[in-house]
Amino acid sequence: APLWLRRRVFDGAVSISAVQWLCHATANGHDPAKRVRTFFRGLKAVLVPGARAVLQLYPEQPEHMGMLRDAAVAAGFSGAVLSREVPH
């Protein structure tokens, strides 16, 4: 489901340790790749032109990072990915 917010109303967005959970199927029939694409399309829609989004995440699998990156780029985001291994 899309984000039910008006288009182009936010100057920026920040997510701390949340987005990585979109990469997991929590029930039969869930499609994580579709969920991630829907999220990034919705996020792009609610940001004003030129706005920035900063997402801190801890993907469990390398392919999760690729899924997130590809969906973000397809939605029109550009920028950088900073990766750092942090021991827990």
N, C-alpha and C. Protein backbone atom coordinates (compact mmCIF):
# COMPACT_ATOMS: atom_id res chain seq x y z
N ALA A 1 0.84 -1.19 0.00
CA ALA A 1 0.00 0.00 0.00
C ALA A 1 0.88 1.25 0.00
N PRO A 2 0.48 2.28 -0.71
CA PRO A 2 1.27 3.51 -0.75
C PRO A 2 1.21 4.24 0.59
N LEU A 3 2.12 5.17 0.74
CA LEU A 3 2.06 6.04 1.91
C LEU A 3 0.88 6.98 1.71
N TRP A 4 -0.04 7.03 2.64
CA TRP A 4 -1.25 7.83 2.48
C TRP A 4 -1.02 9.25 2.99
N LEU A 5 -0.12 9.93 2.31
CA LEU A 5 0.22 11.31 2.64
C LEU A 5 0.15 12.14 1.37
N ARG A 6 -0.04 13.44 1.54
CA ARG A 6 -0.05 14.31 0.36
C ARG A 6 1.31 14.30 -0.31
N ARG A 7 1.30 14.50 -1.59
CA ARG A 7 2.55 14.54 -2.37
C ARG A 7 3.30 15.84 -2.08
N ARG A 8 4.62 15.72 -2.10
CA ARG A 8 5.52 16.88 -2.01
C ARG A 8 5.25 17.78 -0.80
N VAL A 9 5.25 17.19 0.39
CA VAL A 9 5.02 17.98 1.60
C VAL A 9 6.19 17.95 2.58
N PHE A 10 7.14 17.05 2.41
CA PHE A 10 8.25 16.93 3.36
C PHE A 10 9.56 17.43 2.77
N ASP A 11 10.29 18.17 3.59
CA ASP A 11 11.60 18.69 3.18
C ASP A 11 12.70 17.65 3.33
N GLY A 12 12.45 16.60 4.06
CA GLY A 12 13.43 15.55 4.26
C GLY A 12 12.82 14.39 5.03
N ALA A 13 13.57 13.30 5.09
CA ALA A 13 13.12 12.13 5.83
C ALA A 13 14.33 11.45 6.45
N VAL A 14 14.14 10.90 7.65
CA VAL A 14 15.18 10.16 8.35
C VAL A 14 14.58 8.86 8.85
N SER A 15 15.29 7.77 8.67
CA SER A 15 14.88 6.47 9.18
C SER A 15 16.05 5.84 9.91
N ILE A 16 15.81 5.42 11.13
CA ILE A 16 16.84 4.78 11.93
C ILE A 16 16.43 3.32 12.17
N SER A 17 17.20 2.42 11.61
CA SER A 17 17.04 0.97 11.83
C SER A 17 15.62 0.46 11.57
N ALA A 18 14.99 0.94 10.52
CA ALA A 18 13.64 0.48 10.21
C ALA A 18 13.53 -0.13 8.81
N VAL A 19 14.15 0.48 7.84
CA VAL A 19 13.94 0.10 6.44
C VAL A 19 14.37 -1.34 6.16
N GLN A 20 15.37 -1.85 6.87
CA GLN A 20 15.84 -3.21 6.57
C GLN A 20 14.76 -4.26 6.79
N TRP A 21 13.77 -3.98 7.61
CA TRP A 21 12.71 -4.96 7.89
C TRP A 21 11.79 -5.14 6.69
N LEU A 22 11.82 -4.23 5.74
CA LEU A 22 11.02 -4.40 4.52
C LEU A 22 11.54 -5.56 3.67
N CYS A 23 12.78 -5.98 3.91
CA CYS A 23 13.42 -7.03 3.11
C CYS A 23 13.02 -8.44 3.53
N HIS A 24 12.20 -8.57 4.54
CA HIS A 24 11.83 -9.89 5.06
C HIS A 24 10.38 -10.22 4.75
N ALA A 25 10.14 -11.44 4.30
CA ALA A 25 8.79 -11.94 4.10
C ALA A 25 8.29 -12.44 5.46
N THR A 26 7.24 -11.84 5.97
CA THR A 26 6.73 -12.21 7.28
C THR A 26 5.51 -13.12 7.20
N ALA A 27 5.05 -13.39 5.99
CA ALA A 27 3.92 -14.29 5.79
C ALA A 27 3.98 -14.84 4.37
N ASN A 28 3.33 -15.96 4.16
CA ASN A 28 3.25 -16.52 2.81
C ASN A 28 2.63 -15.49 1.87
N GLY A 29 3.20 -15.37 0.70
CA GLY A 29 2.67 -14.44 -0.27
C GLY A 29 3.28 -13.05 -0.21
N HIS A 30 4.05 -12.76 0.83
CA HIS A 30 4.72 -11.46 0.89
C HIS A 30 5.85 -11.42 -0.12
N ASP A 31 6.02 -10.29 -0.76
CA ASP A 31 7.07 -10.09 -1.75
C ASP A 31 7.94 -8.93 -1.28
N PRO A 32 9.07 -9.22 -0.60
CA PRO A 32 9.91 -8.14 -0.08
C PRO A 32 10.37 -7.16 -1.14
N ALA A 33 10.72 -7.62 -2.32
CA ALA A 33 11.17 -6.71 -3.38
C ALA A 33 10.07 -5.72 -3.75
N LYS A 34 8.85 -6.21 -3.86
CA LYS A 34 7.71 -5.33 -4.17
C LYS A 34 7.48 -4.34 -3.03
N ARG A 35 7.58 -4.81 -1.80
CA ARG A 35 7.40 -3.95 -0.62
C ARG A 35 8.44 -2.82 -0.61
N VAL A 36 9.69 -3.16 -0.92
CA VAL A 36 10.76 -2.16 -0.95
C VAL A 36 10.53 -1.15 -2.07
N ARG A 37 10.14 -1.63 -3.25
CA ARG A 37 9.86 -0.71 -4.37
C ARG A 37 8.71 0.25 -4.02
N THR A 38 7.67 -0.28 -3.42
CA THR A 38 6.52 0.54 -3.03
C THR A 38 6.94 1.59 -2.01
N PHE A 39 7.76 1.20 -1.04
CA PHE A 39 8.24 2.15 -0.04
C PHE A 39 8.99 3.31 -0.68
N PHE A 40 9.96 3.00 -1.54
CA PHE A 40 10.77 4.07 -2.12
C PHE A 40 9.97 4.95 -3.08
N ARG A 41 9.04 4.38 -3.83
CA ARG A 41 8.18 5.21 -4.69
C ARG A 41 7.33 6.14 -3.83
N GLY A 42 6.79 5.61 -2.73
CA GLY A 42 5.99 6.45 -1.84
C GLY A 42 6.80 7.52 -1.16
N LEU A 43 8.01 7.16 -0.73
CA LEU A 43 8.88 8.15 -0.08
C LEU A 43 9.24 9.27 -1.05
N LYS A 44 9.59 8.91 -2.26
CA LYS A 44 9.93 9.92 -3.27
C LYS A 44 8.74 10.85 -3.54
N ALA A 45 7.54 10.30 -3.54
CA ALA A 45 6.34 11.09 -3.83
C ALA A 45 6.05 12.13 -2.76
N VAL A 46 6.34 11.85 -1.50
CA VAL A 46 5.99 12.79 -0.43
C VAL A 46 7.08 13.82 -0.16
N LEU A 47 8.25 13.65 -0.77
CA LEU A 47 9.34 14.63 -0.60
C LEU A 47 9.24 15.74 -1.64
N VAL A 48 9.51 16.96 -1.22
CA VAL A 48 9.56 18.06 -2.17
C VAL A 48 10.78 17.87 -3.08
N PRO A 49 10.76 18.42 -4.29
CA PRO A 49 11.93 18.31 -5.16
C PRO A 49 13.18 18.85 -4.45
N GLY A 50 14.24 18.10 -4.54
CA GLY A 50 15.49 18.49 -3.90
C GLY A 50 15.63 18.05 -2.46
N ALA A 51 14.59 17.46 -1.90
CA ALA A 51 14.66 16.98 -0.51
C ALA A 51 15.61 15.80 -0.42
N ARG A 52 16.06 15.53 0.79
CA ARG A 52 16.96 14.42 1.03
C ARG A 52 16.36 13.43 2.01
N ALA A 53 16.77 12.19 1.85
CA ALA A 53 16.38 11.13 2.78
C ALA A 53 17.66 10.48 3.29
N VAL A 54 17.73 10.26 4.59
CA VAL A 54 18.87 9.59 5.21
C VAL A 54 18.33 8.34 5.89
N LEU A 55 18.87 7.19 5.48
CA LEU A 55 18.38 5.92 6.00
C LEU A 55 19.54 5.16 6.63
N GLN A 56 19.45 4.91 7.93
CA GLN A 56 20.43 4.07 8.60
C GLN A 56 19.82 2.68 8.68
N LEU A 57 20.57 1.68 8.24
CA LEU A 57 20.02 0.34 8.27
C LEU A 57 21.11 -0.69 8.44
N TYR A 58 20.69 -1.86 8.83
CA TYR A 58 21.57 -3.00 9.04
C TYR A 58 21.02 -4.21 8.28
N PRO A 59 21.30 -4.29 6.98
CA PRO A 59 20.79 -5.42 6.20
C PRO A 59 21.44 -6.72 6.67
N GLU A 60 20.62 -7.77 6.79
CA GLU A 60 21.14 -9.05 7.25
C GLU A 60 21.87 -9.81 6.16
N GLN A 61 21.48 -9.61 4.92
CA GLN A 61 22.08 -10.33 3.79
C GLN A 61 22.59 -9.31 2.77
N PRO A 62 23.70 -9.63 2.09
CA PRO A 62 24.20 -8.70 1.05
C PRO A 62 23.15 -8.39 -0.02
N GLU A 63 22.32 -9.38 -0.37
CA GLU A 63 21.32 -9.12 -1.40
C GLU A 63 20.25 -8.14 -0.94
N HIS A 64 20.06 -8.00 0.37
CA HIS A 64 19.12 -7.00 0.88
C HIS A 64 19.60 -5.60 0.53
N MET A 65 20.89 -5.35 0.67
CA MET A 65 21.44 -4.03 0.34
C MET A 65 21.23 -3.74 -1.14
N GLY A 66 21.45 -4.74 -1.98
CA GLY A 66 21.23 -4.56 -3.41
C GLY A 66 19.77 -4.28 -3.73
N MET A 67 18.87 -4.99 -3.06
CA MET A 67 17.43 -4.78 -3.27
C MET A 67 17.05 -3.35 -2.90
N LEU A 68 17.53 -2.88 -1.76
CA LEU A 68 17.23 -1.52 -1.30
C LEU A 68 17.81 -0.47 -2.25
N ARG A 69 19.07 -0.66 -2.63
CA ARG A 69 19.74 0.29 -3.54
C ARG A 69 19.01 0.35 -4.88
N ASP A 70 18.72 -0.80 -5.46
CA ASP A 70 18.07 -0.84 -6.77
C ASP A 70 16.70 -0.18 -6.73
N ALA A 71 15.93 -0.42 -5.67
CA ALA A 71 14.60 0.19 -5.55
C ALA A 71 14.70 1.70 -5.37
N ALA A 72 15.69 2.15 -4.61
CA ALA A 72 15.87 3.59 -4.41
C ALA A 72 16.23 4.28 -5.72
N VAL A 73 17.14 3.71 -6.47
CA VAL A 73 17.54 4.29 -7.76
C VAL A 73 16.37 4.28 -8.73
N ALA A 74 15.62 3.18 -8.78
CA ALA A 74 14.46 3.10 -9.68
C ALA A 74 13.40 4.14 -9.34
N ALA A 75 13.31 4.52 -8.05
CA ALA A 75 12.33 5.53 -7.63
C ALA A 75 12.82 6.95 -7.90
N GLY A 76 14.08 7.09 -8.30
CA GLY A 76 14.59 8.43 -8.63
C GLY A 76 15.54 9.01 -7.61
N PHE A 77 15.92 8.22 -6.62
CA PHE A 77 16.90 8.71 -5.65
C PHE A 77 18.31 8.54 -6.21
N SER A 78 19.19 9.41 -5.78
CA SER A 78 20.61 9.29 -6.11
C SER A 78 21.39 9.65 -4.86
N GLY A 79 22.66 9.39 -4.87
CA GLY A 79 23.44 9.74 -3.70
C GLY A 79 24.50 8.71 -3.43
N ALA A 80 24.75 8.48 -2.17
CA ALA A 80 25.85 7.61 -1.76
C ALA A 80 25.37 6.59 -0.75
N VAL A 81 26.12 5.50 -0.72
CA VAL A 81 25.91 4.47 0.30
C VAL A 81 27.19 4.41 1.11
N LEU A 82 27.08 4.61 2.38
CA LEU A 82 28.23 4.50 3.28
C LEU A 82 28.03 3.23 4.08
N SER A 83 29.00 2.35 4.02
CA SER A 83 28.88 1.07 4.71
C SER A 83 30.00 0.95 5.72
N ARG A 84 29.63 0.52 6.91
CA ARG A 84 30.62 0.33 7.97
C ARG A 84 30.18 -0.85 8.81
N GLU A 85 31.08 -1.78 8.99
CA GLU A 85 30.81 -2.93 9.86
C GLU A 85 30.93 -2.47 11.31
N VAL A 86 29.89 -2.71 12.08
CA VAL A 86 29.91 -2.33 13.49
C VAL A 86 29.70 -3.57 14.33
N PRO A 87 30.66 -3.91 15.18
CA PRO A 87 30.46 -5.09 16.02
C PRO A 87 29.39 -4.82 17.07
N HIS A 88 28.57 -5.80 17.33
CA HIS A 88 27.51 -5.64 18.33
C HIS A 88 27.90 -6.23 19.64
